[in-house]
Amino acid sequence: MVHSWRDSVPLSDEQTLVRDSIREICQEFDREYWRERDENEEYPHEFVETLSDHGWLGILIPEEYGGAGMQTTEVAVMMEEIAANGGGFSAAQAVHGGIYNSTPLVKYADEELKSELLPKVADGEVAIQSFGLTEPNAGSDSTSIETSAERVSAEQRSADPSDVTASEDGDEYVINGQKIWISRVDATDYLVLMARTTPREAVDKRTEGISMFLVDVEEAYDQDALEIQQIPKTASGFVHSYEMWFSDLRIPADRLIGEEGRGFYQVLDGLNEERLAIAAECVGLAEVSLERGIEYANEREVFGRQIGSNQSIQHPLAEAYTETLAAKQLLYGAAETIESASQKETGAMANAAKYRAAEAAFAAADAAVQTHGGFGVAREYDVERYFREARLTRIVPITQQLVLNYISENVLGLPRSY
């Protein structure tokens, strides 16, 4: 059942088509499907493949490379619907990387790499589901990453006759280091990897000297240069996260994406758009949580009447609705203006949308669990999963506190706090 308030934001004809198409696909995957994926910690291959078969993983890829050539608002519609139709935040996260990890290639890769790879991503032949940035000793301070990529020329390699692993095709980068909390490594063909090509102590600004690379995961295994270990966790049970170790991984120099040393700025370039997609996923999670809470409140009878007639049940759901509606209006308002507004304005709106949407998701999931009483922690009613996911949204991809830091400094003009 789709409540009418779910469609409170006016959409263009194209956006309505996206919404209706995604809804139709999601109807093929019922509550039991998502419950089983979570309980068995099994990646939803069938769901992702269905979206891929319909071309939705290429939603942001330009038409000249076989994609749909759509924009941020259409992605927001798509991700909200995936979450709101029963899959929750985890279902949206299952395809999030597959959509956004191709955008650095669109913006920065050379034409040869784009022509080779993007059409394959658009038609679902290959997936770029993983983005390797976070490290144990860096966390949210991305400029402190220690993974290194050293460029080695053909002449340097030929000087070492014992180096039997070296390619004869040209220059290479040799990568060493460690990453953590890297998602969907078990469901990807390629990894977009961030590494230092210049040590932090050797650059004038800490944001310099970081570069972006495209890593063929299978080739990394073939070189015996990659080791991974899954991280046990409670939220997003079917979207797995990994710790990764790189040991003398060799990749061709033409797998550098964009300009050497400018990778950090390349990441920032698409950050606001991706943050709005996260906000949309949170809004969708809030909506499905509310729907399950409302449904149970209308069905469950105690002391001879529906529990939804009690104000102690009504008010938390109604309050969560107001938060969800406000977050949704902020989200789509920001998405509509992101192409024309300044970077400072879009940064403020994208961060505010993510903050409000995560708070709305938590309020809605908490109200849904409370409405269910003891059954709120039973797997058969799903809201316990939504609550776990809602708690996660206040941490990833950026904590609520860091959002407030950003707004304090960049919008309110307060002194930097860190």
Protein backbone atom coordinates (compact mmCIF):
# COMPACT_ATOMS: atom_id res chain seq x y z
CA MET A 1 0.00 0.00 0.00
CA VAL A 2 1.36 3.44 -0.96
CA HIS A 3 -0.04 6.25 1.19
CA SER A 4 -0.95 9.41 -0.72
CA TRP A 5 1.41 11.50 1.41
CA ARG A 6 4.28 9.57 -0.13
CA ASP A 7 3.65 11.47 -3.37
CA SER A 8 3.49 14.92 -1.81
CA VAL A 9 6.35 16.39 -3.87
CA PRO A 10 5.48 17.42 -7.45
CA LEU A 11 7.53 15.54 -10.04
CA SER A 12 8.20 16.13 -13.71
CA ASP A 13 6.98 13.63 -16.28
CA GLU A 14 10.45 12.06 -16.44
CA GLN A 15 10.72 11.84 -12.67
CA THR A 16 7.24 10.31 -12.45
CA LEU A 17 8.33 7.70 -14.99
CA VAL A 18 11.35 6.90 -12.82
CA ARG A 19 9.18 6.60 -9.72
CA ASP A 20 6.60 4.35 -11.35
CA SER A 21 9.20 2.15 -13.05
CA ILE A 22 11.16 1.60 -9.83
CA ARG A 23 7.96 0.89 -7.90
CA GLU A 24 6.99 -1.74 -10.42
CA ILE A 25 10.38 -3.45 -10.14
CA CYS A 26 10.29 -3.32 -6.33
CA GLN A 27 6.91 -5.04 -6.27
CA GLU A 28 8.64 -8.18 -7.56
CA PHE A 29 10.59 -8.39 -4.27
CA ASP A 30 8.33 -8.87 -1.27
CA ARG A 31 8.95 -8.48 2.43
CA GLU A 32 10.08 -12.06 2.80
CA TYR A 33 12.77 -11.55 0.16
CA TRP A 34 14.39 -8.72 2.10
CA ARG A 35 13.90 -10.49 5.42
CA GLU A 36 15.74 -13.55 4.12
CA ARG A 37 18.55 -11.49 2.61
CA ASP A 38 19.11 -9.79 5.96
CA GLU A 39 18.83 -12.93 8.07
CA ASN A 40 21.17 -14.90 5.80
CA GLU A 41 23.49 -11.91 5.21
CA GLU A 42 23.12 -12.53 1.49
CA TYR A 43 23.67 -9.77 -1.06
CA PRO A 44 20.46 -9.17 -3.09
CA HIS A 45 21.91 -10.26 -6.44
CA GLU A 46 18.50 -10.84 -8.04
CA PHE A 47 17.28 -7.36 -7.18
CA VAL A 48 20.45 -5.63 -8.36
CA GLU A 49 20.53 -7.65 -11.56
CA THR A 50 16.91 -6.74 -12.29
CA LEU A 51 17.68 -3.04 -11.89
CA SER A 52 20.78 -3.48 -14.02
CA ASP A 53 18.87 -5.32 -16.74
CA HIS A 54 16.51 -2.35 -16.95
CA GLY A 55 19.45 0.05 -17.27
CA TRP A 56 19.03 1.77 -13.92
CA LEU A 57 22.66 1.40 -12.82
CA GLY A 58 23.49 3.64 -15.78
CA ILE A 59 21.09 6.39 -14.72
CA LEU A 60 23.91 8.97 -14.43
CA ILE A 61 25.98 7.76 -17.39
CA PRO A 62 25.61 10.03 -20.44
CA GLU A 63 23.56 8.73 -23.34
CA GLU A 64 26.60 8.73 -25.63
CA TYR A 65 28.00 5.90 -23.49
CA GLY A 66 24.75 3.96 -23.35
CA GLY A 67 23.38 5.41 -20.12
CA ALA A 68 20.17 7.24 -19.31
CA GLY A 69 21.85 10.63 -18.90
CA MET A 70 19.64 11.69 -15.98
CA GLN A 71 20.40 14.06 -13.11
CA THR A 72 20.46 14.24 -9.32
CA THR A 73 16.70 14.61 -8.84
CA GLU A 74 15.97 11.46 -10.85
CA VAL A 75 18.50 9.52 -8.76
CA ALA A 76 16.87 10.85 -5.59
CA VAL A 77 13.48 9.61 -6.82
CA MET A 78 14.98 6.21 -7.61
CA MET A 79 16.77 5.74 -4.29
CA GLU A 80 13.82 6.95 -2.24
CA GLU A 81 11.54 4.45 -3.96
CA ILE A 82 13.92 1.53 -3.46
CA ALA A 83 14.09 2.23 0.27
CA ALA A 84 10.40 3.08 0.67
CA ASN A 85 9.10 -0.03 -1.08
CA GLY A 86 10.32 -2.45 1.56
CA GLY A 87 14.04 -2.78 0.92
CA GLY A 88 14.97 -0.02 3.32
CA PHE A 89 18.30 1.78 3.46
CA SER A 90 20.26 -1.42 2.82
CA ALA A 91 18.51 -2.12 -0.48
CA ALA A 92 19.36 1.36 -1.69
CA GLN A 93 22.93 0.92 -0.50
CA ALA A 94 23.17 -2.30 -2.47
CA VAL A 95 23.11 -0.27 -5.69
CA HIS A 96 24.34 3.11 -4.47
CA GLY A 97 27.96 2.42 -5.34
CA GLY A 98 27.07 0.96 -8.71
CA ILE A 99 25.48 4.29 -9.62
CA TYR A 100 27.91 6.79 -8.17
CA ASN A 101 31.29 5.13 -8.59
CA SER A 102 31.10 5.58 -12.36
CA THR A 103 30.70 9.37 -12.12
CA PRO A 104 34.44 10.06 -11.56
CA LEU A 105 35.10 8.23 -14.82
CA VAL A 106 32.48 10.32 -16.61
CA LYS A 107 34.06 13.55 -15.34
CA TYR A 108 37.76 12.79 -15.27
CA ALA A 109 38.81 9.62 -17.10
CA ASP A 110 40.38 9.86 -20.54
CA GLU A 111 38.22 9.10 -23.54
CA GLU A 112 39.75 5.68 -24.16
CA LEU A 113 38.89 4.44 -20.67
CA LYS A 114 35.41 5.94 -20.79
CA SER A 115 34.64 4.38 -24.15
CA GLU A 116 35.95 1.03 -22.97
CA LEU A 117 34.19 0.80 -19.64
CA LEU A 118 31.13 3.05 -19.34
CA PRO A 119 28.96 1.23 -21.93
CA LYS A 120 29.65 -2.02 -20.06
CA VAL A 121 28.57 -0.42 -16.78
CA ALA A 122 25.45 1.02 -18.39
CA ASP A 123 24.29 -2.33 -19.75
CA GLY A 124 25.19 -4.24 -16.58
CA GLU A 125 28.08 -6.21 -18.02
CA VAL A 126 30.46 -4.95 -15.33
CA ALA A 127 29.97 -3.26 -11.96
CA ILE A 128 31.93 -0.55 -10.15
CA GLN A 129 30.32 -1.06 -6.75
CA SER A 130 33.19 -0.21 -4.40
CA PHE A 131 34.99 2.99 -3.44
CA GLY A 132 38.19 2.68 -1.42
CA LEU A 133 38.86 5.75 0.72
CA THR A 134 38.50 5.10 4.47
CA GLU A 135 41.50 3.81 6.43
CA PRO A 136 41.97 2.71 10.06
CA ASN A 137 44.29 5.63 10.89
CA ALA A 138 42.38 8.27 8.93
CA GLY A 139 38.63 7.84 9.45
CA SER A 140 36.81 11.04 8.56
CA ASP A 141 40.13 12.84 8.04
CA SER A 142 40.53 11.63 4.47
CA THR A 143 43.67 13.69 3.89
CA SER A 144 45.50 11.45 6.38
CA ILE A 145 45.27 8.30 4.26
CA GLU A 146 48.51 6.35 4.10
CA THR A 147 47.90 3.96 1.20
CA SER A 148 50.59 4.79 -1.35
CA ALA A 149 50.82 4.57 -5.12
CA GLU A 150 54.34 4.85 -6.49
CA ARG A 151 54.83 5.34 -10.21
CA VAL A 152 57.40 3.03 -11.74
CA SER A 153 58.60 3.43 -15.31
CA ALA A 154 59.46 0.68 -17.77
CA GLU A 155 63.11 1.72 -17.53
CA GLN A 156 63.08 1.35 -13.75
CA ARG A 157 61.56 -2.10 -13.99
CA SER A 158 64.01 -3.31 -16.61
CA ALA A 159 66.83 -2.39 -14.23
CA ASP A 160 65.63 -5.10 -11.86
CA PRO A 161 65.99 -8.48 -13.63
CA SER A 162 64.44 -10.31 -10.67
CA ASP A 163 61.12 -8.52 -11.16
CA VAL A 164 59.19 -11.15 -13.10
CA THR A 165 55.78 -9.65 -12.32
CA ALA A 166 56.40 -6.41 -14.17
CA SER A 167 54.37 -5.59 -17.23
CA GLU A 168 56.12 -4.70 -20.48
CA ASP A 169 53.33 -2.44 -21.65
CA GLY A 170 54.48 0.82 -20.07
CA ASP A 171 54.51 2.73 -16.81
CA GLU A 172 52.76 1.37 -13.74
CA TYR A 173 51.75 2.34 -10.25
CA VAL A 174 52.64 0.07 -7.35
CA ILE A 175 50.07 0.28 -4.56
CA ASN A 176 50.54 -0.64 -0.91
CA GLY A 177 48.29 0.03 2.05
CA GLN A 178 45.15 -0.78 3.96
CA LYS A 179 41.49 0.24 3.66
CA ILE A 180 38.54 -0.36 5.98
CA TRP A 181 34.73 -0.20 5.76
CA ILE A 182 34.80 -0.71 2.01
CA SER A 183 31.38 -1.95 0.91
CA ARG A 184 30.28 -4.42 -1.77
CA VAL A 185 33.76 -5.76 -2.55
CA ASP A 186 32.07 -9.15 -2.96
CA ALA A 187 29.79 -7.75 -5.68
CA THR A 188 32.11 -5.63 -7.79
CA ASP A 189 34.40 -5.97 -10.78
CA TYR A 190 36.25 -2.70 -10.21
CA LEU A 191 37.24 -0.57 -7.26
CA VAL A 192 37.78 3.20 -7.35
CA LEU A 193 40.77 3.56 -5.05
CA MET A 194 42.21 6.65 -3.38
CA ALA A 195 45.94 6.62 -2.62
CA ARG A 196 48.72 9.07 -1.93
CA THR A 197 51.07 9.63 -4.84
CA THR A 198 52.91 12.24 -2.80
CA PRO A 199 53.44 11.81 0.96
CA ARG A 200 51.49 14.22 3.16
CA GLU A 201 54.68 15.72 4.59
CA ALA A 202 55.86 16.58 1.07
CA VAL A 203 52.85 18.68 -0.01
CA ASP A 204 52.02 22.31 0.78
CA LYS A 205 48.35 21.55 1.49
CA ARG A 206 47.15 18.32 3.07
CA THR A 207 44.48 18.00 0.34
CA GLU A 208 47.17 17.72 -2.33
CA GLY A 209 49.04 14.60 -3.44
CA ILE A 210 46.05 12.22 -3.35
CA SER A 211 45.14 10.43 -6.58
CA MET A 212 42.26 8.34 -7.85
CA PHE A 213 42.70 4.95 -9.54
CA LEU A 214 40.58 2.26 -11.13
CA VAL A 215 41.52 -1.20 -9.86
CA ASP A 216 40.45 -4.44 -11.54
CA VAL A 217 39.63 -6.60 -8.50
CA GLU A 218 40.14 -9.91 -10.29
CA GLU A 219 43.55 -8.81 -11.53
CA ALA A 220 44.48 -7.82 -7.97
CA TYR A 221 43.61 -11.33 -6.79
CA ASP A 222 45.52 -12.86 -9.70
CA GLN A 223 48.62 -10.95 -8.62
CA ASP A 224 48.11 -12.20 -5.06
CA ALA A 225 48.27 -8.52 -4.14
CA LEU A 226 44.89 -8.15 -2.43
CA GLU A 227 43.57 -9.65 0.78
CA ILE A 228 40.10 -8.91 2.17
CA GLN A 229 38.27 -9.72 5.39
CA GLN A 230 34.58 -9.14 6.03
CA ILE A 231 33.69 -6.97 9.01
CA PRO A 232 30.88 -8.45 11.17
CA LYS A 233 28.19 -5.83 11.82
CA THR A 234 24.55 -5.53 12.86
CA ALA A 235 23.17 -3.00 10.34
CA SER A 236 22.89 -3.51 6.58
CA GLY A 237 23.30 -7.24 6.99
CA PHE A 238 23.18 -8.01 3.27
CA VAL A 239 25.49 -5.21 2.17
CA HIS A 240 28.86 -6.38 3.39
CA SER A 241 31.81 -4.22 4.41
CA TYR A 242 35.44 -5.24 4.27
CA GLU A 243 38.92 -4.51 5.41
CA MET A 244 41.39 -4.61 2.51
CA TRP A 245 45.17 -4.97 2.31
CA PHE A 246 47.18 -4.13 -0.82
CA SER A 247 50.67 -5.53 -1.22
CA ASP A 248 52.68 -4.42 -4.25
CA LEU A 249 49.61 -4.26 -6.44
CA ARG A 250 50.63 -3.23 -9.94
CA ILE A 251 48.21 -1.36 -12.14
CA PRO A 252 48.84 0.29 -15.54
CA ALA A 253 49.47 4.01 -15.37
CA ASP A 254 46.49 4.61 -17.64
CA ARG A 255 44.25 3.48 -14.78
CA LEU A 256 44.87 6.80 -13.09
CA ILE A 257 41.54 8.69 -13.11
CA GLY A 258 41.99 12.37 -13.77
CA GLU A 259 45.08 14.30 -12.73
CA GLU A 260 47.72 12.90 -10.43
CA GLY A 261 47.60 14.58 -7.03
CA ARG A 262 44.14 16.07 -7.60
CA GLY A 263 42.06 13.11 -6.50
CA PHE A 264 40.80 14.68 -3.29
CA TYR A 265 39.29 17.58 -5.22
CA GLN A 266 37.77 15.16 -7.70
CA VAL A 267 36.01 13.38 -4.84
CA LEU A 268 34.68 16.68 -3.49
CA ASP A 269 33.31 17.63 -6.90
CA GLY A 270 30.47 15.10 -6.75
CA LEU A 271 30.02 15.00 -2.99
CA ASN A 272 26.91 17.18 -2.77
CA GLU A 273 25.01 15.17 -5.38
CA GLU A 274 25.82 11.89 -3.66
CA ARG A 275 24.88 13.32 -0.27
CA LEU A 276 21.45 14.14 -1.65
CA ALA A 277 21.09 10.54 -2.81
CA ILE A 278 21.87 9.41 0.75
CA ALA A 279 19.23 11.84 2.02
CA ALA A 280 16.72 10.30 -0.40
CA GLU A 281 17.53 6.83 0.91
CA CYS A 282 16.92 8.09 4.46
CA VAL A 283 13.59 9.63 3.44
CA GLY A 284 12.56 6.33 1.85
CA LEU A 285 13.52 4.49 5.02
CA ALA A 286 11.45 6.93 7.07
CA GLU A 287 8.46 6.38 4.77
CA VAL A 288 8.53 2.59 4.91
CA SER A 289 8.96 2.71 8.68
CA LEU A 290 5.94 4.98 8.99
CA GLU A 291 3.85 2.79 6.70
CA ARG A 292 4.61 -0.31 8.76
CA GLY A 293 3.85 1.55 11.99
CA ILE A 294 0.55 2.92 10.65
CA GLU A 295 -0.43 -0.48 9.29
CA TYR A 296 0.16 -2.20 12.63
CA ALA A 297 -1.56 0.58 14.59
CA ASN A 298 -4.69 0.10 12.49
CA GLU A 299 -4.68 -3.71 12.69
CA ARG A 300 -3.65 -4.46 16.28
CA GLU A 301 -6.43 -4.47 18.86
CA VAL A 302 -5.88 -4.34 22.61
CA PHE A 303 -8.58 -3.77 25.27
CA GLY A 304 -11.20 -4.03 22.55
CA ARG A 305 -9.99 -1.28 20.25
CA GLN A 306 -7.27 -0.46 17.73
CA ILE A 307 -4.08 0.71 19.38
CA GLY A 308 -3.95 3.49 16.79
CA SER A 309 -6.81 5.19 18.64
CA ASN A 310 -4.46 5.90 21.53
CA GLN A 311 -2.69 9.26 21.43
CA SER A 312 0.47 7.67 22.83
CA ILE A 313 0.62 5.73 19.55
CA GLN A 314 -0.71 8.49 17.29
CA HIS A 315 1.55 11.32 18.34
CA PRO A 316 4.98 9.72 17.74
CA LEU A 317 3.84 8.58 14.29
CA ALA A 318 2.37 12.00 13.50
CA GLU A 319 5.51 13.76 14.71
CA ALA A 320 7.70 11.45 12.62
CA TYR A 321 5.48 12.21 9.63
CA THR A 322 6.09 15.95 10.00
CA GLU A 323 9.85 15.36 10.20
CA THR A 324 9.74 13.11 7.13
CA LEU A 325 7.69 15.60 5.13
CA ALA A 326 10.06 18.44 6.03
CA ALA A 327 13.11 16.37 5.12
CA LYS A 328 11.55 15.38 1.80
CA GLN A 329 10.73 18.97 0.87
CA LEU A 330 14.27 20.05 1.75
CA LEU A 331 15.76 17.17 -0.22
CA TYR A 332 13.89 17.86 -3.45
CA GLY A 333 14.27 21.61 -3.13
CA ALA A 334 18.03 21.13 -2.90
CA ALA A 335 18.08 18.63 -5.76
CA GLU A 336 16.21 21.00 -8.08
CA THR A 337 18.65 23.87 -7.48
CA ILE A 338 21.93 21.98 -7.34
CA GLU A 339 22.77 22.54 -11.00
CA SER A 340 22.46 26.34 -10.78
CA ALA A 341 23.47 27.22 -7.21
CA SER A 342 27.01 27.94 -6.04
CA GLN A 343 29.10 25.20 -4.49
CA LYS A 344 28.76 26.83 -1.07
CA GLU A 345 24.97 26.97 -1.38
CA THR A 346 24.65 23.39 -2.61
CA GLY A 347 27.02 22.18 0.09
CA ALA A 348 24.88 23.79 2.76
CA MET A 349 21.63 22.39 1.36
CA ALA A 350 23.01 18.90 0.70
CA ASN A 351 24.41 18.61 4.21
CA ALA A 352 21.23 20.01 5.76
CA ALA A 353 19.13 17.56 3.74
CA LYS A 354 21.25 14.61 4.84
CA TYR A 355 21.03 15.72 8.49
CA ARG A 356 17.27 16.20 8.50
CA ALA A 357 16.60 13.02 6.54
CA ALA A 358 18.68 10.89 8.91
CA GLU A 359 16.88 12.37 11.91
CA ALA A 360 13.52 11.72 10.25
CA ALA A 361 14.49 8.13 9.50
CA PHE A 362 15.47 7.54 13.11
CA ALA A 363 12.29 9.14 14.48
CA ALA A 364 10.08 7.11 12.13
CA ALA A 365 11.83 3.80 12.78
CA ASP A 366 11.78 4.38 16.53
CA ALA A 367 8.05 5.20 16.43
CA ALA A 368 7.39 2.08 14.33
CA VAL A 369 9.24 -0.16 16.79
CA GLN A 370 7.43 1.39 19.75
CA THR A 371 4.08 0.97 18.01
CA HIS A 372 4.77 -2.75 17.58
CA GLY A 373 5.59 -3.18 21.26
CA GLY A 374 7.31 -6.51 21.86
CA PHE A 375 6.93 -7.43 18.21
CA GLY A 376 9.06 -4.40 17.36
CA VAL A 377 12.17 -6.51 17.87
CA ALA A 378 10.80 -9.56 16.02
CA ARG A 379 12.28 -10.16 12.57
CA GLU A 380 8.91 -11.05 11.09
CA TYR A 381 7.75 -7.43 11.32
CA ASP A 382 10.86 -5.87 9.70
CA VAL A 383 10.80 -2.67 11.75
CA GLU A 384 13.69 -3.89 13.89
CA ARG A 385 15.83 -3.92 10.71
CA TYR A 386 14.65 -0.44 9.79
CA PHE A 387 15.64 0.77 13.25
CA ARG A 388 19.13 -0.72 12.90
CA GLU A 389 19.47 0.94 9.52
CA ALA A 390 18.14 4.27 10.80
CA ARG A 391 20.78 4.32 13.50
CA LEU A 392 23.40 3.73 10.84
CA THR A 393 22.24 6.71 8.78
CA ARG A 394 23.31 9.03 11.59
CA ILE A 395 26.89 7.79 11.12
CA VAL A 396 27.36 7.24 7.38
CA PRO A 397 28.61 8.51 5.03
CA ILE A 398 29.27 11.39 7.41
CA THR A 399 28.28 11.74 11.05
CA GLN A 400 25.59 14.17 12.09
CA GLN A 401 28.20 16.02 14.16
CA LEU A 402 30.43 16.62 11.14
CA VAL A 403 27.43 17.94 9.22
CA LEU A 404 26.82 20.44 12.01
CA ASN A 405 30.52 21.36 11.97
CA TYR A 406 30.28 22.03 8.24
CA ILE A 407 27.20 24.21 8.57
CA SER A 408 28.62 26.07 11.59
CA GLU A 409 31.80 27.00 9.75
CA ASN A 410 30.65 27.40 6.14
CA VAL A 411 27.15 28.81 6.62
CA LEU A 412 27.10 30.49 10.01
CA GLY A 413 30.65 31.81 9.81
CA LEU A 414 31.74 30.37 13.14
CA PRO A 415 35.40 29.49 13.86
CA ARG A 416 36.69 26.10 12.73
CA SER A 417 36.33 23.58 15.55
CA TYR A 418 38.70 20.86 14.36
